[in-house]
Full PDB file with SEQRES, HELIX, SHEET, SSBOND, CRYST1, ORIGX, SCALE, CONECT and MASTER records, all heavy atoms in Angstrom:
SEQRES   1 A   38  SER GLU ASP ASN ASP VAL ILE SER GLU ILE PRO GLU ARG          
SEQRES   2 A   38  LYS LYS MET TYR GLN GLY GLN THR PRO GLN THR PHE GLN          
SEQRES   3 A   38  ALA GLN LYS LEU LYS GLU LEU TYR LEU SER LEU THR              
HELIX    1 AA1 ARG A   13  LYS A   15  5                                   3    
HELIX    2 AA2 ALA A   27  LEU A   35  1                                   9    
CRYST1    1.000    1.000    1.000  90.00  90.00  90.00 P 1           1          
ORIGX1      1.000000  0.000000  0.000000        0.00000                         
ORIGX2      0.000000  1.000000  0.000000        0.00000                         
ORIGX3      0.000000  0.000000  1.000000        0.00000                         
SCALE1      1.000000  0.000000  0.000000        0.00000                         
SCALE2      0.000000  1.000000  0.000000        0.00000                         
SCALE3      0.000000  0.000000  1.000000        0.00000                         
ATOM      1  N   SER A   1      29.151  67.555  21.238  1.00  0.00           N  
ATOM      2  CA  SER A   1      27.866  67.112  20.663  1.00  0.00           C  
ATOM      3  C   SER A   1      27.791  67.565  19.244  1.00  0.00           C  
ATOM      4  O   SER A   1      27.848  68.841  19.030  1.00  0.00           O  
ATOM      5  CB  SER A   1      26.681  67.704  21.481  1.00  0.00           C  
ATOM      6  OG  SER A   1      25.477  67.361  20.869  1.00  0.00           O  
ATOM      7  N   GLU A   2      27.688  66.691  18.300  1.00  0.00           N  
ATOM      8  CA  GLU A   2      27.628  67.012  16.919  1.00  0.00           C  
ATOM      9  C   GLU A   2      26.307  67.573  16.506  1.00  0.00           C  
ATOM     10  O   GLU A   2      26.175  68.482  15.748  1.00  0.00           O  
ATOM     11  CB  GLU A   2      27.866  65.796  16.010  1.00  0.00           C  
ATOM     12  CG  GLU A   2      29.162  65.164  16.136  1.00  0.00           C  
ATOM     13  CD  GLU A   2      30.412  65.962  15.566  1.00  0.00           C  
ATOM     14  OE1 GLU A   2      30.004  66.960  14.919  1.00  0.00           O  
ATOM     15  OE2 GLU A   2      31.608  65.593  15.902  1.00  0.00           O  
ATOM     16  N   ASP A   3      25.288  67.249  17.284  1.00  0.00           N  
ATOM     17  CA  ASP A   3      23.872  67.837  16.925  1.00  0.00           C  
ATOM     18  C   ASP A   3      23.278  68.702  18.012  1.00  0.00           C  
ATOM     19  O   ASP A   3      22.132  69.033  17.955  1.00  0.00           O  
ATOM     20  CB  ASP A   3      22.971  66.577  16.737  1.00  0.00           C  
ATOM     21  CG  ASP A   3      22.708  65.820  17.929  1.00  0.00           C  
ATOM     22  OD1 ASP A   3      23.348  66.037  18.998  1.00  0.00           O  
ATOM     23  OD2 ASP A   3      22.037  64.722  17.810  1.00  0.00           O  
ATOM     24  N   ASN A   4      24.158  69.042  18.987  1.00  0.00           N  
ATOM     25  CA  ASN A   4      23.667  69.956  20.050  1.00  0.00           C  
ATOM     26  C   ASN A   4      22.503  69.350  20.852  1.00  0.00           C  
ATOM     27  O   ASN A   4      21.672  69.991  21.551  1.00  0.00           O  
ATOM     28  CB  ASN A   4      23.279  71.387  19.573  1.00  0.00           C  
ATOM     29  CG  ASN A   4      24.404  71.980  18.922  1.00  0.00           C  
ATOM     30  OD1 ASN A   4      25.530  72.034  19.445  1.00  0.00           O  
ATOM     31  ND2 ASN A   4      24.245  72.678  17.745  1.00  0.00           N  
ATOM     32  N   ASP A   5      22.498  68.085  20.877  1.00  0.00           N  
ATOM     33  CA  ASP A   5      21.376  67.250  21.606  1.00  0.00           C  
ATOM     34  C   ASP A   5      21.893  66.079  22.402  1.00  0.00           C  
ATOM     35  O   ASP A   5      21.581  65.935  23.516  1.00  0.00           O  
ATOM     36  CB  ASP A   5      20.400  66.821  20.578  1.00  0.00           C  
ATOM     37  CG  ASP A   5      19.086  66.325  21.310  1.00  0.00           C  
ATOM     38  OD1 ASP A   5      18.703  66.847  22.374  1.00  0.00           O  
ATOM     39  OD2 ASP A   5      18.336  65.523  20.673  1.00  0.00           O  
ATOM     40  N   VAL A   6      22.735  65.321  21.754  1.00  0.00           N  
ATOM     41  CA  VAL A   6      23.316  64.098  22.257  1.00  0.00           C  
ATOM     42  C   VAL A   6      24.845  64.163  22.267  1.00  0.00           C  
ATOM     43  O   VAL A   6      25.442  64.667  21.339  1.00  0.00           O  
ATOM     44  CB  VAL A   6      22.828  62.910  21.469  1.00  0.00           C  
ATOM     45  CG1 VAL A   6      23.499  61.621  21.982  1.00  0.00           C  
ATOM     46  CG2 VAL A   6      21.324  62.716  21.466  1.00  0.00           C  
ATOM     47  N   ILE A   7      25.433  63.647  23.346  1.00  0.00           N  
ATOM     48  CA  ILE A   7      26.906  63.686  23.464  1.00  0.00           C  
ATOM     49  C   ILE A   7      27.464  62.636  22.449  1.00  0.00           C  
ATOM     50  O   ILE A   7      27.096  61.540  22.357  1.00  0.00           O  
ATOM     51  CB  ILE A   7      27.363  63.284  24.894  1.00  0.00           C  
ATOM     52  CG1 ILE A   7      27.036  64.364  25.841  1.00  0.00           C  
ATOM     53  CG2 ILE A   7      28.919  62.971  24.937  1.00  0.00           C  
ATOM     54  CD1 ILE A   7      27.333  64.041  27.343  1.00  0.00           C  
ATOM     55  N   SER A   8      28.461  63.159  21.649  1.00  0.00           N  
ATOM     56  CA  SER A   8      29.006  62.353  20.683  1.00  0.00           C  
ATOM     57  C   SER A   8      30.502  61.989  20.998  1.00  0.00           C  
ATOM     58  O   SER A   8      31.032  61.038  20.468  1.00  0.00           O  
ATOM     59  CB  SER A   8      28.983  62.982  19.292  1.00  0.00           C  
ATOM     60  OG  SER A   8      29.273  64.306  19.349  1.00  0.00           O  
ATOM     61  N   GLU A   9      31.032  62.740  21.961  1.00  0.00           N  
ATOM     62  CA  GLU A   9      32.490  62.386  22.322  1.00  0.00           C  
ATOM     63  C   GLU A   9      32.770  63.125  23.634  1.00  0.00           C  
ATOM     64  O   GLU A   9      32.296  64.212  23.870  1.00  0.00           O  
ATOM     65  CB  GLU A   9      33.404  62.871  21.162  1.00  0.00           C  
ATOM     66  CG  GLU A   9      34.945  62.584  21.378  1.00  0.00           C  
ATOM     67  CD  GLU A   9      35.773  63.062  20.327  1.00  0.00           C  
ATOM     68  OE1 GLU A   9      35.213  63.666  19.304  1.00  0.00           O  
ATOM     69  OE2 GLU A   9      36.973  63.071  20.555  1.00  0.00           O  
ATOM     70  N   ILE A  10      33.605  62.444  24.426  1.00  0.00           N  
ATOM     71  CA  ILE A  10      34.170  63.094  25.607  1.00  0.00           C  
ATOM     72  C   ILE A  10      35.691  62.930  25.588  1.00  0.00           C  
ATOM     73  O   ILE A  10      36.173  61.976  25.879  1.00  0.00           O  
ATOM     74  CB  ILE A  10      33.637  62.420  26.858  1.00  0.00           C  
ATOM     75  CG1 ILE A  10      32.014  62.515  26.946  1.00  0.00           C  
ATOM     76  CG2 ILE A  10      34.171  63.136  28.185  1.00  0.00           C  
ATOM     77  CD1 ILE A  10      31.421  61.816  28.169  1.00  0.00           C  
ATOM     78  N   PRO A  11      36.364  63.995  25.046  1.00  0.00           N  
ATOM     79  CA  PRO A  11      37.853  63.871  24.964  1.00  0.00           C  
ATOM     80  C   PRO A  11      38.388  63.903  26.323  1.00  0.00           C  
ATOM     81  O   PRO A  11      37.984  64.299  27.227  1.00  0.00           O  
ATOM     82  CB  PRO A  11      38.076  65.204  24.056  1.00  0.00           C  
ATOM     83  CG  PRO A  11      37.035  66.144  24.387  1.00  0.00           C  
ATOM     84  CD  PRO A  11      35.813  65.274  24.680  1.00  0.00           C  
ATOM     85  N   GLU A  12      39.744  63.514  26.198  1.00  0.00           N  
ATOM     86  CA  GLU A  12      40.554  63.402  27.404  1.00  0.00           C  
ATOM     87  C   GLU A  12      40.786  64.858  27.972  1.00  0.00           C  
ATOM     88  O   GLU A  12      41.229  65.706  27.239  1.00  0.00           O  
ATOM     89  CB  GLU A  12      41.971  62.809  27.185  1.00  0.00           C  
ATOM     90  CG  GLU A  12      42.062  61.324  27.118  1.00  0.00           C  
ATOM     91  CD  GLU A  12      43.470  60.912  27.018  1.00  0.00           C  
ATOM     92  OE1 GLU A  12      44.231  60.844  28.095  1.00  0.00           O  
ATOM     93  OE2 GLU A  12      43.819  60.535  25.930  1.00  0.00           O  
ATOM     94  N   ARG A  13      40.511  65.082  29.219  1.00  0.00           N  
ATOM     95  CA  ARG A  13      40.463  66.423  29.797  1.00  0.00           C  
ATOM     96  C   ARG A  13      41.886  66.939  29.848  1.00  0.00           C  
ATOM     97  O   ARG A  13      42.137  68.154  29.572  1.00  0.00           O  
ATOM     98  CB  ARG A  13      39.904  66.408  31.157  1.00  0.00           C  
ATOM     99  CG  ARG A  13      39.841  67.776  31.757  1.00  0.00           C  
ATOM    100  CD  ARG A  13      39.123  67.851  33.078  1.00  0.00           C  
ATOM    101  NE  ARG A  13      39.799  67.199  34.123  1.00  0.00           N  
ATOM    102  CZ  ARG A  13      39.451  67.003  35.349  1.00  0.00           C  
ATOM    103  NH1 ARG A  13      38.095  67.225  35.615  1.00  0.00           N  
ATOM    104  NH2 ARG A  13      40.165  66.382  36.272  1.00  0.00           N  
ATOM    105  N   LYS A  14      42.944  66.080  29.987  1.00  0.00           N  
ATOM    106  CA  LYS A  14      44.330  66.545  30.093  1.00  0.00           C  
ATOM    107  C   LYS A  14      44.853  67.136  28.761  1.00  0.00           C  
ATOM    108  O   LYS A  14      45.855  67.888  28.767  1.00  0.00           O  
ATOM    109  CB  LYS A  14      45.298  65.427  30.445  1.00  0.00           C  
ATOM    110  CG  LYS A  14      45.444  64.319  29.508  1.00  0.00           C  
ATOM    111  CD  LYS A  14      46.346  63.273  30.100  1.00  0.00           C  
ATOM    112  CE  LYS A  14      46.561  62.151  29.137  1.00  0.00           C  
ATOM    113  NZ  LYS A  14      47.360  61.012  29.651  1.00  0.00           N  
ATOM    114  N   LYS A  15      44.075  66.918  27.628  1.00  0.00           N  
ATOM    115  CA  LYS A  15      44.405  67.480  26.289  1.00  0.00           C  
ATOM    116  C   LYS A  15      43.690  68.795  26.098  1.00  0.00           C  
ATOM    117  O   LYS A  15      43.883  69.505  25.114  1.00  0.00           O  
ATOM    118  CB  LYS A  15      44.146  66.490  25.248  1.00  0.00           C  
ATOM    119  CG  LYS A  15      45.007  65.292  25.321  1.00  0.00           C  
ATOM    120  CD  LYS A  15      44.685  64.344  23.986  1.00  0.00           C  
ATOM    121  CE  LYS A  15      45.508  63.069  24.011  1.00  0.00           C  
ATOM    122  NZ  LYS A  15      45.019  62.216  22.943  1.00  0.00           N  
ATOM    123  N   MET A  16      42.699  69.081  27.004  1.00  0.00           N  
ATOM    124  CA  MET A  16      41.817  70.278  26.697  1.00  0.00           C  
ATOM    125  C   MET A  16      42.351  71.489  27.437  1.00  0.00           C  
ATOM    126  O   MET A  16      42.715  71.369  28.644  1.00  0.00           O  
ATOM    127  CB  MET A  16      40.390  69.919  27.257  1.00  0.00           C  
ATOM    128  CG  MET A  16      39.592  68.717  26.579  1.00  0.00           C  
ATOM    129  SD  MET A  16      39.279  69.028  24.950  1.00  0.00           S  
ATOM    130  CE  MET A  16      40.458  67.951  23.964  1.00  0.00           C  
ATOM    131  N   TYR A  17      42.154  72.547  26.732  1.00  0.00           N  
ATOM    132  CA  TYR A  17      42.554  73.933  27.280  1.00  0.00           C  
ATOM    133  C   TYR A  17      41.391  74.823  27.001  1.00  0.00           C  
ATOM    134  O   TYR A  17      40.705  74.769  26.114  1.00  0.00           O  
ATOM    135  CB  TYR A  17      43.840  74.432  26.680  1.00  0.00           C  
ATOM    136  CG  TYR A  17      45.104  73.825  27.186  1.00  0.00           C  
ATOM    137  CD1 TYR A  17      45.477  72.542  26.704  1.00  0.00           C  
ATOM    138  CD2 TYR A  17      45.917  74.380  28.109  1.00  0.00           C  
ATOM    139  CE1 TYR A  17      46.573  71.817  27.232  1.00  0.00           C  
ATOM    140  CE2 TYR A  17      47.087  73.777  28.553  1.00  0.00           C  
ATOM    141  CZ  TYR A  17      47.377  72.598  28.146  1.00  0.00           C  
ATOM    142  OH  TYR A  17      48.523  71.921  28.646  1.00  0.00           O  
ATOM    143  N   GLN A  18      41.270  75.948  27.801  1.00  0.00           N  
ATOM    144  CA  GLN A  18      40.290  76.896  27.711  1.00  0.00           C  
ATOM    145  C   GLN A  18      41.029  78.164  27.323  1.00  0.00           C  
ATOM    146  O   GLN A  18      41.913  78.672  27.892  1.00  0.00           O  
ATOM    147  CB  GLN A  18      39.539  77.254  28.988  1.00  0.00           C  
ATOM    148  CG  GLN A  18      38.646  76.005  29.329  1.00  0.00           C  
ATOM    149  CD  GLN A  18      38.074  76.174  30.765  1.00  0.00           C  
ATOM    150  OE1 GLN A  18      38.794  75.804  31.646  1.00  0.00           O  
ATOM    151  NE2 GLN A  18      36.892  76.718  30.953  1.00  0.00           N  
ATOM    152  N   GLY A  19      40.620  78.700  26.060  1.00  0.00           N  
ATOM    153  CA  GLY A  19      41.371  79.847  25.477  1.00  0.00           C  
ATOM    154  C   GLY A  19      41.123  81.181  26.220  1.00  0.00           C  
ATOM    155  O   GLY A  19      39.900  81.391  26.694  1.00  0.00           O  
ATOM    156  N   GLN A  20      42.111  81.932  26.336  1.00  0.00           N  
ATOM    157  CA  GLN A  20      41.976  83.201  26.813  1.00  0.00           C  
ATOM    158  C   GLN A  20      42.625  84.232  25.739  1.00  0.00           C  
ATOM    159  O   GLN A  20      42.717  83.879  24.682  1.00  0.00           O  
ATOM    160  CB  GLN A  20      42.672  83.421  28.192  1.00  0.00           C  
ATOM    161  CG  GLN A  20      42.154  82.530  29.254  1.00  0.00           C  
ATOM    162  CD  GLN A  20      42.822  82.727  30.631  1.00  0.00           C  
ATOM    163  OE1 GLN A  20      43.893  83.387  30.794  1.00  0.00           O  
ATOM    164  NE2 GLN A  20      42.146  82.163  31.639  1.00  0.00           N  
ATOM    165  N   THR A  21      42.919  85.356  26.148  1.00  0.00           N  
ATOM    166  CA  THR A  21      43.743  86.243  25.317  1.00  0.00           C  
ATOM    167  C   THR A  21      44.677  86.858  26.358  1.00  0.00           C  
ATOM    168  O   THR A  21      44.412  86.890  27.589  1.00  0.00           O  
ATOM    169  CB  THR A  21      42.980  87.322  24.652  1.00  0.00           C  
ATOM    170  OG1 THR A  21      42.299  88.344  25.487  1.00  0.00           O  
ATOM    171  CG2 THR A  21      41.921  86.802  23.640  1.00  0.00           C  
ATOM    172  N   PRO A  22      45.910  87.398  25.852  1.00  0.00           N  
ATOM    173  CA  PRO A  22      46.228  87.762  24.507  1.00  0.00           C  
ATOM    174  C   PRO A  22      46.541  86.565  23.616  1.00  0.00           C  
ATOM    175  O   PRO A  22      46.833  85.421  24.091  1.00  0.00           O  
ATOM    176  CB  PRO A  22      47.479  88.572  24.649  1.00  0.00           C  
ATOM    177  CG  PRO A  22      47.578  89.020  26.042  1.00  0.00           C  
ATOM    178  CD  PRO A  22      46.920  87.984  26.838  1.00  0.00           C  
ATOM    179  N   GLN A  23      46.404  86.897  22.324  1.00  0.00           N  
ATOM    180  CA  GLN A  23      46.946  85.971  21.231  1.00  0.00           C  
ATOM    181  C   GLN A  23      47.896  86.963  20.520  1.00  0.00           C  
ATOM    182  O   GLN A  23      47.545  87.974  20.136  1.00  0.00           O  
ATOM    183  CB  GLN A  23      45.795  85.523  20.243  1.00  0.00           C  
ATOM    184  CG  GLN A  23      44.765  84.503  20.915  1.00  0.00           C  
ATOM    185  CD  GLN A  23      43.813  84.125  19.965  1.00  0.00           C  
ATOM    186  OE1 GLN A  23      43.473  84.840  18.992  1.00  0.00           O  
ATOM    187  NE2 GLN A  23      43.289  82.935  20.192  1.00  0.00           N  
ATOM    188  N   THR A  24      49.075  86.368  20.265  1.00  0.00           N  
ATOM    189  CA  THR A  24      50.133  87.181  19.692  1.00  0.00           C  
ATOM    190  C   THR A  24      50.770  86.554  18.496  1.00  0.00           C  
ATOM    191  O   THR A  24      50.991  85.415  18.409  1.00  0.00           O  
ATOM    192  CB  THR A  24      51.145  87.434  20.803  1.00  0.00           C  
ATOM    193  OG1 THR A  24      50.577  88.107  21.949  1.00  0.00           O  
ATOM    194  CG2 THR A  24      52.297  88.385  20.389  1.00  0.00           C  
ATOM    195  N   PHE A  25      51.018  87.416  17.567  1.00  0.00           N  
ATOM    196  CA  PHE A  25      51.461  86.863  16.216  1.00  0.00           C  
ATOM    197  C   PHE A  25      52.474  87.831  15.534  1.00  0.00           C  
ATOM    198  O   PHE A  25      52.607  89.011  15.815  1.00  0.00           O  
ATOM    199  CB  PHE A  25      50.221  86.860  15.240  1.00  0.00           C  
ATOM    200  CG  PHE A  25      49.066  86.258  15.823  1.00  0.00           C  
ATOM    201  CD1 PHE A  25      47.994  87.034  16.278  1.00  0.00           C  
ATOM    202  CD2 PHE A  25      48.889  84.854  15.878  1.00  0.00           C  
ATOM    203  CE1 PHE A  25      46.813  86.471  16.903  1.00  0.00           C  
ATOM    204  CE2 PHE A  25      47.806  84.296  16.456  1.00  0.00           C  
ATOM    205  CZ  PHE A  25      46.688  85.071  16.993  1.00  0.00           C  
ATOM    206  N   GLN A  26      53.280  87.289  14.586  1.00  0.00           N  
ATOM    207  CA  GLN A  26      54.007  88.002  13.608  1.00  0.00           C  
ATOM    208  C   GLN A  26      53.020  88.548  12.681  1.00  0.00           C  
ATOM    209  O   GLN A  26      52.286  87.812  12.043  1.00  0.00           O  
ATOM    210  CB  GLN A  26      55.063  87.227  12.983  1.00  0.00           C  
ATOM    211  CG  GLN A  26      56.173  86.752  13.938  1.00  0.00           C  
ATOM    212  CD  GLN A  26      57.188  85.843  13.189  1.00  0.00           C  
ATOM    213  OE1 GLN A  26      57.040  85.527  11.953  1.00  0.00           O  
ATOM    214  NE2 GLN A  26      58.269  85.469  13.802  1.00  0.00           N  
ATOM    215  N   ALA A  27      52.869  89.838  12.635  1.00  0.00           N  
ATOM    216  CA  ALA A  27      51.671  90.488  11.930  1.00  0.00           C  
ATOM    217  C   ALA A  27      51.708  90.262  10.406  1.00  0.00           C  
ATOM    218  O   ALA A  27      50.588  89.884   9.844  1.00  0.00           O  
ATOM    219  CB  ALA A  27      51.770  92.038  12.240  1.00  0.00           C  
ATOM    220  N   GLN A  28      52.884  90.283   9.824  1.00  0.00           N  
ATOM    221  CA  GLN A  28      52.910  90.115   8.358  1.00  0.00           C  
ATOM    222  C   GLN A  28      52.492  88.606   7.963  1.00  0.00           C  
ATOM    223  O   GLN A  28      51.799  88.426   7.096  1.00  0.00           O  
ATOM    224  CB  GLN A  28      54.436  90.323   7.945  1.00  0.00           C  
ATOM    225  CG  GLN A  28      54.550  90.120   6.400  1.00  0.00           C  
ATOM    226  CD  GLN A  28      54.165  91.249   5.589  1.00  0.00           C  
ATOM    227  OE1 GLN A  28      54.193  92.523   6.059  1.00  0.00           O  
ATOM    228  NE2 GLN A  28      53.623  91.061   4.425  1.00  0.00           N  
ATOM    229  N   LYS A  29      52.910  87.651   8.833  1.00  0.00           N  
ATOM    230  CA  LYS A  29      52.632  86.201   8.646  1.00  0.00           C  
ATOM    231  C   LYS A  29      51.079  86.061   8.806  1.00  0.00           C  
ATOM    232  O   LYS A  29      50.375  85.389   8.008  1.00  0.00           O  
ATOM    233  CB  LYS A  29      53.404  85.430   9.591  1.00  0.00           C  
ATOM    234  CG  LYS A  29      53.180  83.852   9.415  1.00  0.00           C  
ATOM    235  CD  LYS A  29      53.776  83.434   8.174  1.00  0.00           C  
ATOM    236  CE  LYS A  29      53.750  81.868   7.974  1.00  0.00           C  
ATOM    237  NZ  LYS A  29      54.767  81.211   8.801  1.00  0.00           N  
ATOM    238  N   LEU A  30      50.498  86.791   9.833  1.00  0.00           N  
ATOM    239  CA  LEU A  30      49.068  86.586  10.061  1.00  0.00           C  
ATOM    240  C   LEU A  30      48.321  87.199   8.839  1.00  0.00           C  
ATOM    241  O   LEU A  30      47.328  86.607   8.364  1.00  0.00           O  
ATOM    242  CB  LEU A  30      48.609  87.357  11.374  1.00  0.00           C  
ATOM    243  CG  LEU A  30      47.146  87.451  11.625  1.00  0.00           C  
ATOM    244  CD1 LEU A  30      46.518  86.088  11.718  1.00  0.00           C  
ATOM    245  CD2 LEU A  30      46.935  88.296  12.820  1.00  0.00           C  
ATOM    246  N   LYS A  31      48.737  88.245   8.388  1.00  0.00           N  
ATOM    247  CA  LYS A  31      48.001  88.915   7.235  1.00  0.00           C  
ATOM    248  C   LYS A  31      48.200  88.048   5.991  1.00  0.00           C  
ATOM    249  O   LYS A  31      47.159  87.800   5.331  1.00  0.00           O  
ATOM    250  CB  LYS A  31      48.710  90.219   6.889  1.00  0.00           C  
ATOM    251  CG  LYS A  31      48.037  90.955   5.716  1.00  0.00           C  
ATOM    252  CD  LYS A  31      48.815  92.275   5.446  1.00  0.00           C  
ATOM    253  CE  LYS A  31      48.167  93.093   4.252  1.00  0.00           C  
ATOM    254  NZ  LYS A  31      48.859  94.267   3.901  1.00  0.00           N  
ATOM    255  N   GLU A  32      49.270  87.490   5.692  1.00  0.00           N  
ATOM    256  CA  GLU A  32      49.489  86.515   4.528  1.00  0.00           C  
ATOM    257  C   GLU A  32      48.568  85.359   4.671  1.00  0.00           C  
ATOM    258  O   GLU A  32      47.971  84.914   3.729  1.00  0.00           O  
ATOM    259  CB  GLU A  32      50.921  86.115   4.440  1.00  0.00           C  
ATOM    260  CG  GLU A  32      51.810  87.239   3.982  1.00  0.00           C  
ATOM    261  CD  GLU A  32      53.331  86.827   4.112  1.00  0.00           C  
ATOM    262  OE1 GLU A  32      53.690  85.676   4.488  1.00  0.00           O  
ATOM    263  OE2 GLU A  32      54.214  87.782   3.902  1.00  0.00           O  
ATOM    264  N   LEU A  33      48.537  84.745   5.869  1.00  0.00           N  
ATOM    265  CA  LEU A  33      47.700  83.488   6.036  1.00  0.00           C  
ATOM    266  C   LEU A  33      46.231  83.770   5.926  1.00  0.00           C  
ATOM    267  O   LEU A  33      45.446  83.152   5.363  1.00  0.00           O  
ATOM    268  CB  LEU A  33      48.059  82.938   7.448  1.00  0.00           C  
ATOM    269  CG  LEU A  33      49.353  82.211   7.614  1.00  0.00           C  
ATOM    270  CD1 LEU A  33      49.527  81.830   9.078  1.00  0.00           C  
ATOM    271  CD2 LEU A  33      49.703  81.086   6.632  1.00  0.00           C  
ATOM    272  N   TYR A  34      45.827  84.961   6.511  1.00  0.00           N  
ATOM    273  CA  TYR A  34      44.356  85.379   6.433  1.00  0.00           C  
ATOM    274  C   TYR A  34      43.969  85.608   5.010  1.00  0.00           C  
ATOM    275  O   TYR A  34      42.889  85.143   4.613  1.00  0.00           O  
ATOM    276  CB  TYR A  34      44.158  86.675   7.277  1.00  0.00           C  
ATOM    277  CG  TYR A  34      42.768  87.084   7.313  1.00  0.00           C  
ATOM    278  CD1 TYR A  34      41.755  86.383   8.009  1.00  0.00           C  
ATOM    279  CD2 TYR A  34      42.273  88.240   6.553  1.00  0.00           C  
ATOM    280  CE1 TYR A  34      40.437  86.796   8.020  1.00  0.00           C  
ATOM    281  CE2 TYR A  34      40.993  88.621   6.562  1.00  0.00           C  
ATOM    282  CZ  TYR A  34      40.081  87.930   7.294  1.00  0.00           C  
ATOM    283  OH  TYR A  34      38.753  88.257   7.268  1.00  0.00           O  
ATOM    284  N   LEU A  35      44.834  86.308   4.212  1.00  0.00           N  
ATOM    285  CA  LEU A  35      44.469  86.605   2.866  1.00  0.00           C  
ATOM    286  C   LEU A  35      44.419  85.301   1.918  1.00  0.00           C  
ATOM    287  O   LEU A  35      43.750  85.293   0.863  1.00  0.00           O  
ATOM    288  CB  LEU A  35      45.488  87.611   2.255  1.00  0.00           C  
ATOM    289  CG  LEU A  35      45.350  88.977   2.824  1.00  0.00           C  
ATOM    290  CD1 LEU A  35      46.417  89.907   2.238  1.00  0.00           C  
ATOM    291  CD2 LEU A  35      44.019  89.640   2.656  1.00  0.00           C  
ATOM    292  N   SER A  36      45.142  84.284   2.443  1.00  0.00           N  
ATOM    293  CA  SER A  36      45.116  82.956   1.620  1.00  0.00           C  
ATOM    294  C   SER A  36      43.903  82.153   1.981  1.00  0.00           C  
ATOM    295  O   SER A  36      43.684  81.129   1.285  1.00  0.00           O  
ATOM    296  CB  SER A  36      46.348  82.180   2.001  1.00  0.00           C  
ATOM    297  OG  SER A  36      46.237  81.588   3.296  1.00  0.00           O  
ATOM    298  N   LEU A  37      43.059  82.605   2.897  1.00  0.00           N  
ATOM    299  CA  LEU A  37      41.864  81.744   3.218  1.00  0.00           C  
ATOM    300  C   LEU A  37      40.747  81.897   2.238  1.00  0.00           C  
ATOM    301  O   LEU A  37      40.705  82.944   1.675  1.00  0.00           O  
ATOM    302  CB  LEU A  37      41.344  82.241   4.580  1.00  0.00           C  
ATOM    303  CG  LEU A  37      42.166  81.932   5.895  1.00  0.00           C  
ATOM    304  CD1 LEU A  37      41.545  82.529   7.038  1.00  0.00           C  
ATOM    305  CD2 LEU A  37      42.463  80.502   6.118  1.00  0.00           C  
ATOM    306  N   THR A  38      39.922  80.823   2.009  1.00  0.00           N  
ATOM    307  CA  THR A  38      38.785  80.974   1.251  1.00  0.00           C  
ATOM    308  C   THR A  38      37.701  81.666   2.096  1.00  0.00           C  
ATOM    309  O   THR A  38      37.768  81.714   3.342  1.00  0.00           O  
ATOM    310  CB  THR A  38      38.276  79.645   0.769  1.00  0.00           C  
ATOM    311  OG1 THR A  38      37.944  78.843   2.003  1.00  0.00           O  
ATOM    312  CG2 THR A  38      39.390  78.825   0.081  1.00  0.00           C  
TER     313      THR A  38                                                      
MASTER        0    0    0    2    0    0    0    6  312    1    0    3          
END                                                                             
């Protein structure tokens, strides 16, 4: 829902995942990418 009131899209469920953790990264790469963000 784009406006938190009306449904604007119902995507295909087979493409949808629910995130958990862990999330795992090459630390140096994560730092570089984070510092490049606005």
